[in-house]
Each structure stands twice: as C-alpha cells, then as structure tokens.
C-alpha atoms as a PDB file:
ATOM      1  CA  UNK A   1      22.920  11.030   4.987  1.00  0.00           C
ATOM      2  CA  UNK A   2      22.107  11.850   8.572  1.00  0.00           C
ATOM      3  CA  UNK A   3      19.325  10.011  10.194  1.00  0.00           C
ATOM      4  CA  UNK A   4      16.314  12.312  10.969  1.00  0.00           C
ATOM      5  CA  UNK A   5      14.315  12.499  14.168  1.00  0.00           C
ATOM      6  CA  UNK A   6      10.774  13.368  14.580  1.00  0.00           C
ATOM      7  CA  UNK A   7      11.056  17.117  14.692  1.00  0.00           C
ATOM      8  CA  UNK A   8      13.404  17.174  11.603  1.00  0.00           C
ATOM      9  CA  UNK A   9      10.818  14.882   9.780  1.00  0.00           C
ATOM     10  CA  UNK A  10       8.135  17.505  10.672  1.00  0.00           C
ATOM     11  CA  UNK A  11      10.223  20.183   9.041  1.00  0.00           C
ATOM     12  CA  UNK A  12      11.089  17.976   5.972  1.00  0.00           C
ATOM     13  CA  UNK A  13       7.225  17.069   5.527  1.00  0.00           C
ATOM     14  CA  UNK A  14       6.226  20.821   5.830  1.00  0.00           C
ATOM     15  CA  UNK A  15       9.011  21.742   3.384  1.00  0.00           C
ATOM     16  CA  UNK A  16       7.941  19.283   0.840  1.00  0.00           C
ATOM     17  CA  UNK A  17       4.338  20.563   0.923  1.00  0.00           C
ATOM     18  CA  UNK A  18       5.419  24.196   0.646  1.00  0.00           C
ATOM     19  CA  UNK A  19       8.169  23.613  -1.917  1.00  0.00           C
ATOM     20  CA  UNK A  20       5.907  21.459  -4.032  1.00  0.00           C
ATOM     21  CA  UNK A  21       3.158  24.059  -3.987  1.00  0.00           C
ATOM     22  CA  UNK A  22       5.234  27.165  -4.184  1.00  0.00           C
ATOM     23  CA  UNK A  23       8.677  26.160  -5.236  1.00  0.00           C
ATOM     24  CA  UNK A  24      11.815  26.432  -3.312  1.00  0.00           C
ATOM     25  CA  UNK A  25      12.026  30.228  -3.990  1.00  0.00           C
ATOM     26  CA  UNK A  26       8.353  30.828  -3.024  1.00  0.00           C
ATOM     27  CA  UNK A  27       8.446  29.136   0.376  1.00  0.00           C
ATOM     28  CA  UNK A  28      10.056  31.093   3.268  1.00  0.00           C
ATOM     29  CA  UNK A  29      11.666  29.399   6.337  1.00  0.00           C
ATOM     30  CA  UNK A  30       9.221  30.923   8.802  1.00  0.00           C
ATOM     31  CA  UNK A  31       6.365  29.389   6.841  1.00  0.00           C
ATOM     32  CA  UNK A  32       7.981  26.089   6.911  1.00  0.00           C
ATOM     33  CA  UNK A  33       8.459  26.350  10.612  1.00  0.00           C
ATOM     34  CA  UNK A  34       4.847  27.325  11.137  1.00  0.00           C
ATOM     35  CA  UNK A  35       3.649  24.424   8.845  1.00  0.00           C
ATOM     36  CA  UNK A  36       5.871  21.989  10.807  1.00  0.00           C
ATOM     37  CA  UNK A  37       4.555  23.455  14.123  1.00  0.00           C
ATOM     38  CA  UNK A  38       8.125  24.077  15.375  1.00  0.00           C
ATOM     39  CA  UNK A  39      10.153  27.103  16.214  1.00  0.00           C
ATOM     40  CA  UNK A  40      12.578  28.762  13.908  1.00  0.00           C
ATOM     41  CA  UNK A  41      15.325  27.577  16.238  1.00  0.00           C
ATOM     42  CA  UNK A  42      14.415  23.973  15.644  1.00  0.00           C
ATOM     43  CA  UNK A  43      14.412  24.421  11.846  1.00  0.00           C
ATOM     44  CA  UNK A  44      17.909  26.039  11.968  1.00  0.00           C
ATOM     45  CA  UNK A  45      19.230  23.368  14.409  1.00  0.00           C
ATOM     46  CA  UNK A  46      18.585  20.720  11.890  1.00  0.00           C
ATOM     47  CA  UNK A  47      18.875  22.822   8.595  1.00  0.00           C
ATOM     48  CA  UNK A  48      21.249  25.778   8.848  1.00  0.00           C
ATOM     49  CA  UNK A  49      20.063  27.168   5.487  1.00  0.00           C
ATOM     50  CA  UNK A  50      17.132  26.683   3.205  1.00  0.00           C
ATOM     51  CA  UNK A  51      19.622  25.215   0.671  1.00  0.00           C
ATOM     52  CA  UNK A  52      20.541  22.486   3.125  1.00  0.00           C
ATOM     53  CA  UNK A  53      16.872  21.743   3.900  1.00  0.00           C
ATOM     54  CA  UNK A  54      16.054  21.471   0.245  1.00  0.00           C
ATOM     55  CA  UNK A  55      19.172  19.346  -0.488  1.00  0.00           C
ATOM     56  CA  UNK A  56      18.283  16.943   2.471  1.00  0.00           C
ATOM     57  CA  UNK A  57      14.648  16.703   1.420  1.00  0.00           C
ATOM     58  CA  UNK A  58      15.614  16.122  -2.230  1.00  0.00           C
ATOM     59  CA  UNK A  59      18.145  13.489  -1.373  1.00  0.00           C
ATOM     60  CA  UNK A  60      15.790  11.515   0.882  1.00  0.00           C
ATOM     61  CA  UNK A  61      13.112  11.659  -1.780  1.00  0.00           C
ATOM     62  CA  UNK A  62      15.326  10.863  -4.762  1.00  0.00           C
ATOM     63  CA  UNK A  63      17.059   7.915  -2.920  1.00  0.00           C
ATOM     64  CA  UNK A  64      13.629   6.529  -2.054  1.00  0.00           C
ATOM     65  CA  UNK A  65      12.465   6.821  -5.635  1.00  0.00           C
ATOM     66  CA  UNK A  66      15.587   5.490  -7.236  1.00  0.00           C
ATOM     67  CA  UNK A  67      15.514   2.516  -4.800  1.00  0.00           C
ATOM     68  CA  UNK A  68      11.919   1.703  -5.433  1.00  0.00           C
ATOM     69  CA  UNK A  69      12.161   2.048  -9.269  1.00  0.00           C
ATOM     70  CA  UNK A  70      15.671   1.217 -10.441  1.00  0.00           C
ATOM     71  CA  UNK A  71      16.120  -2.247  -8.947  1.00  0.00           C
ATOM     72  CA  UNK A  72      16.922  -5.098 -11.266  1.00  0.00           C
ATOM     73  CA  UNK A  73      14.267  -7.032 -13.168  1.00  0.00           C
ATOM     74  CA  UNK A  74      14.123 -10.720 -14.240  1.00  0.00           C
ATOM     75  CA  UNK A  75      13.530  -9.808 -17.876  1.00  0.00           C
ATOM     76  CA  UNK A  76      16.148  -8.239 -20.259  1.00  0.00           C
ATOM     77  CA  UNK A  77      15.055  -5.002 -21.997  1.00  0.00           C
ATOM     78  CA  UNK A  78      11.789  -6.419 -23.420  1.00  0.00           C
ATOM     79  CA  UNK A  79       8.186  -5.674 -23.067  1.00  0.00           C
ATOM     80  CA  UNK A  80       7.889  -7.361 -19.571  1.00  0.00           C
ATOM     81  CA  UNK A  81      10.801  -5.477 -18.364  1.00  0.00           C
ATOM     82  CA  UNK A  82       9.330  -2.257 -19.396  1.00  0.00           C
ATOM     83  CA  UNK A  83       6.057  -3.184 -17.761  1.00  0.00           C
ATOM     84  CA  UNK A  84       7.832  -3.988 -14.505  1.00  0.00           C
ATOM     85  CA  UNK A  85       9.758  -0.701 -14.477  1.00  0.00           C
ATOM     86  CA  UNK A  86       6.385   1.064 -15.429  1.00  0.00           C
ATOM     87  CA  UNK A  87       4.525  -0.644 -12.490  1.00  0.00           C
ATOM     88  CA  UNK A  88       7.242   0.608 -10.075  1.00  0.00           C
ATOM     89  CA  UNK A  89       6.952   4.044 -11.470  1.00  0.00           C
ATOM     90  CA  UNK A  90       3.169   4.024 -11.212  1.00  0.00           C
ATOM     91  CA  UNK A  91       3.383   2.794  -7.605  1.00  0.00           C
ATOM     92  CA  UNK A  92       5.403   5.973  -6.878  1.00  0.00           C
ATOM     93  CA  UNK A  93       2.984   8.216  -8.810  1.00  0.00           C
ATOM     94  CA  UNK A  94       0.088   6.831  -6.785  1.00  0.00           C
ATOM     95  CA  UNK A  95       1.548   6.408  -3.397  1.00  0.00           C
ATOM     96  CA  UNK A  96       3.736   9.470  -3.233  1.00  0.00           C
ATOM     97  CA  UNK A  97       2.349  11.961  -5.710  1.00  0.00           C
ATOM     98  CA  UNK A  98       3.542  15.073  -3.777  1.00  0.00           C
ATOM     99  CA  UNK A  99       7.095  13.779  -3.681  1.00  0.00           C
ATOM    100  CA  UNK A 100       7.038  12.805  -7.368  1.00  0.00           C
ATOM    101  CA  UNK A 101       5.768  16.223  -8.295  1.00  0.00           C
ATOM    102  CA  UNK A 102       8.459  17.823  -6.358  1.00  0.00           C
ATOM    103  CA  UNK A 103      11.148  15.713  -7.901  1.00  0.00           C
ATOM    104  CA  UNK A 104      10.013  15.749 -11.448  1.00  0.00           C
ATOM    105  CA  UNK A 105       8.300  19.203 -11.922  1.00  0.00           C
ATOM    106  CA  UNK A 106      10.695  21.677 -10.292  1.00  0.00           C
ATOM    107  CA  UNK A 107      13.936  22.927 -11.722  1.00  0.00           C
ATOM    108  CA  UNK A 108      16.321  22.086  -9.007  1.00  0.00           C
ATOM    109  CA  UNK A 109      19.793  22.639 -10.510  1.00  0.00           C
ATOM    110  CA  UNK A 110      20.476  26.128  -9.133  1.00  0.00           C
ATOM    111  CA  UNK A 111      20.585  24.840  -5.614  1.00  0.00           C
ATOM    112  CA  UNK A 112      21.217  21.135  -5.689  1.00  0.00           C
ATOM    113  CA  UNK A 113      24.452  19.771  -4.418  1.00  0.00           C
ATOM    114  CA  UNK A 114      26.770  17.961  -6.856  1.00  0.00           C
ATOM    115  CA  UNK A 115      25.835  14.697  -5.097  1.00  0.00           C
ATOM    116  CA  UNK A 116      22.051  15.352  -5.634  1.00  0.00           C
ATOM    117  CA  UNK A 117      22.605  16.243  -9.163  1.00  0.00           C
ATOM    118  CA  UNK A 118      24.202  12.871  -9.627  1.00  0.00           C
ATOM    119  CA  UNK A 119      21.245  11.145  -7.928  1.00  0.00           C
ATOM    120  CA  UNK A 120      18.880  13.007 -10.126  1.00  0.00           C
ATOM    121  CA  UNK A 121      20.742  11.959 -13.389  1.00  0.00           C
ATOM    122  CA  UNK A 122      20.604   8.277 -12.196  1.00  0.00           C
ATOM    123  CA  UNK A 123      17.113   7.815 -13.273  1.00  0.00           C
ATOM    124  CA  UNK A 124      17.641   9.295 -16.734  1.00  0.00           C
ATOM    125  CA  UNK A 125      20.791   7.252 -17.129  1.00  0.00           C
ATOM    126  CA  UNK A 126      19.015   4.172 -16.224  1.00  0.00           C
ATOM    127  CA  UNK A 127      16.211   4.856 -18.793  1.00  0.00           C
ATOM    128  CA  UNK A 128      18.954   5.429 -21.385  1.00  0.00           C
ATOM    129  CA  UNK A 129      20.732   2.295 -20.487  1.00  0.00           C
ATOM    130  CA  UNK A 130      17.365   0.370 -20.835  1.00  0.00           C
ATOM    131  CA  UNK A 131      16.818   1.879 -24.206  1.00  0.00           C
ATOM    132  CA  UNK A 132      20.275   1.280 -25.553  1.00  0.00           C
ATOM    133  CA  UNK A 133      20.174  -2.349 -24.399  1.00  0.00           C
ATOM    134  CA  UNK A 134      16.760  -2.719 -26.131  1.00  0.00           C
ATOM    135  CA  UNK A 135      18.040  -1.222 -29.172  1.00  0.00           C
ATOM    136  CA  UNK A 136      20.952  -3.686 -29.205  1.00  0.00           C
ATOM    137  CA  UNK A 137      18.764  -6.679 -28.812  1.00  0.00           C
ATOM    138  CA  UNK A 138      16.176  -5.396 -31.320  1.00  0.00           C
ATOM    139  CA  UNK A 139      13.242  -4.773 -29.057  1.00  0.00           C
ATOM    140  CA  UNK A 140      13.392  -1.005 -29.052  1.00  0.00           C
ATOM    141  CA  UNK A 141      13.463   1.088 -32.275  1.00  0.00           C
ATOM    142  CA  UNK A 142      16.822   2.397 -33.412  1.00  0.00           C
ATOM    143  CA  UNK A 143      17.482   6.129 -33.134  1.00  0.00           C
ATOM    144  CA  UNK A 144      18.747   8.653 -30.584  1.00  0.00           C
ATOM    145  CA  UNK A 145      18.151   7.152 -27.185  1.00  0.00           C
ATOM    146  CA  UNK A 146      17.322  10.593 -25.989  1.00  0.00           C
ATOM    147  CA  UNK A 147      14.103  10.504 -28.056  1.00  0.00           C
ATOM    148  CA  UNK A 148      12.715   7.266 -26.493  1.00  0.00           C
ATOM    149  CA  UNK A 149      13.799   8.398 -22.980  1.00  0.00           C
ATOM    150  CA  UNK A 150      12.157  11.810 -23.464  1.00  0.00           C
ATOM    151  CA  UNK A 151       8.916  10.099 -24.576  1.00  0.00           C
ATOM    152  CA  UNK A 152       8.919   8.040 -21.540  1.00  0.00           C
ATOM    153  CA  UNK A 153       9.921  10.794 -19.006  1.00  0.00           C
ATOM    154  CA  UNK A 154       7.652  13.450 -20.749  1.00  0.00           C
ATOM    155  CA  UNK A 155       4.627  11.151 -20.167  1.00  0.00           C
ATOM    156  CA  UNK A 156       5.596  10.678 -16.562  1.00  0.00           C
ATOM    157  CA  UNK A 157       5.754  14.518 -16.163  1.00  0.00           C
ATOM    158  CA  UNK A 158       2.533  15.154 -17.980  1.00  0.00           C
ATOM    159  CA  UNK A 159       0.730  12.535 -15.750  1.00  0.00           C
ATOM    160  CA  UNK A 160       2.186  14.262 -12.621  1.00  0.00           C
ATOM    161  CA  UNK A 161       0.925  17.672 -13.954  1.00  0.00           C
ATOM    162  CA  UNK A 162      -2.526  16.449 -14.607  1.00  0.00           C
ATOM    163  CA  UNK A 163      -2.772  14.559 -11.325  1.00  0.00           C
ATOM    164  CA  UNK A 164      -1.452  17.815  -9.520  1.00  0.00           C
ATOM    165  CA  UNK A 165      -4.226  19.849 -11.052  1.00  0.00           C
ATOM    166  CA  UNK A 166      -6.928  17.799  -9.472  1.00  0.00           C
ATOM    167  CA  UNK A 167      -5.052  16.276  -6.526  1.00  0.00           C
ATOM    168  CA  UNK A 168      -6.979  13.099  -7.275  1.00  0.00           C
ATOM    169  CA  UNK A 169      -5.361   9.702  -7.937  1.00  0.00           C
ATOM    170  CA  UNK A 170      -4.834   9.013 -11.481  1.00  0.00           C
ATOM    171  CA  UNK A 171      -7.148   6.327 -12.825  1.00  0.00           C
ATOM    172  CA  UNK A 172      -5.806   2.956 -13.240  1.00  0.00           C
ATOM    173  CA  UNK A 173      -7.076   2.618 -16.824  1.00  0.00           C
ATOM    174  CA  UNK A 174      -5.210   5.868 -17.814  1.00  0.00           C
ATOM    175  CA  UNK A 175      -1.992   4.567 -16.348  1.00  0.00           C
ATOM    176  CA  UNK A 176      -2.463   1.192 -18.157  1.00  0.00           C
ATOM    177  CA  UNK A 177      -3.179   3.148 -21.360  1.00  0.00           C
ATOM    178  CA  UNK A 178      -0.019   5.111 -20.892  1.00  0.00           C
ATOM    179  CA  UNK A 179       2.059   1.879 -20.308  1.00  0.00           C
ATOM    180  CA  UNK A 180       0.771   0.335 -23.579  1.00  0.00           C
ATOM    181  CA  UNK A 181       1.088   3.597 -25.532  1.00  0.00           C
ATOM    182  CA  UNK A 182       4.701   4.246 -24.317  1.00  0.00           C
ATOM    183  CA  UNK A 183       5.710   0.552 -25.300  1.00  0.00           C
ATOM    184  CA  UNK A 184       4.146   0.893 -28.617  1.00  0.00           C
ATOM    185  CA  UNK A 185       5.913   4.286 -29.219  1.00  0.00           C
ATOM    186  CA  UNK A 186       9.463   2.866 -28.533  1.00  0.00           C
ATOM    187  CA  UNK A 187       9.185  -0.762 -29.370  1.00  0.00           C
ATOM    188  CA  UNK A 188      10.047  -2.582 -32.712  1.00  0.00           C
ATOM    189  CA  UNK A 189       7.144  -5.147 -32.231  1.00  0.00           C
END
C-alpha cells in the first residue's frame, strides 16, 4: 500500500465520514473534496476514481483492524483466549467506531478489489479457526462453526448499529455483558 501524505489523509478521513454516513453510492467525489477542504484536482491526483478511494480507505482500515485484533494470544481457544480477542474487538469498537461501522455495516463486495475481499475474509476465517480449534479441544460446542461465528459477528454488528444510532460510546457494562453472553452461547462449560 502506498504511503499517504497529509492531503491524501484529509481525503481519506472525509471519505470515511461520508461513506459511513451515506454509503459509497451516496457520497459524491465533490462532497468528499469539500469535506476534506481540498480541490477536486487534489482528490483525483491521489485517487483517480471513487473505487480507488474506497479501496485504499478500506484496505487501510481493514489492515489496522486485523492487525489490532488477530494477533496471537497466550491461551489456546479457551475462555481466556476468547476474552482476550473480545477485549481487542471492544478496543476497536470504542476507539474507532466510525471505522468499525464502515467496515462491518456496509456491503462492500460490488466495488472491493480481490485483495480487499481477501482481507475482509481474514477476520471471519480467524473466528472460524478459533471455533474449530475450540470444538476440537472441547471448550466450544460441537456443530457448524458458521453458527458460532455468526453469533459472535452478529453481536458485533448489532453493537455497532446501536452505538451508531446514538453516536455515544457503548457502556462498559453492556460490552462486558456481551462478552459473557457470547462465551456462554458457544462454550461447553
């Protein structure tokens, strides 16, 4: 990925706000330029098309999320490992809610590059890997891994939706309750 300078970062930040609020199709390049406080020539110098802009933005955000969340944990597919992963996800939910809503609530496949589609699938694959490993070692209920991963990801999406409605940080007690409820839903214990 190319390194972005100050002006291109302004464009990316403006695009995130407008894409998250209005979706890719609802945000026009002139609006993005105006929000970024740059001219259209500047936008097109860095991002020749809106598809290039959304792909660069998506890649930057997805790489940051995957890097923050998918790192190894000391535990091995047990409650503590789940809580570690959940804490990482919550950090992203709290510290970067707009980016998380953009990544998780918008259907991107019609314009994402093949590389970005692979990046998107890494999170789901990591969840499935965690579930399958937990099923093998007996800490996670047997059954289709898709069900357990859907329970986890669906909870994340719903928390993002609710947080997006109020634009207020999600309360810690609600996030803790989600963590315990999710583990209870998938665990054998």
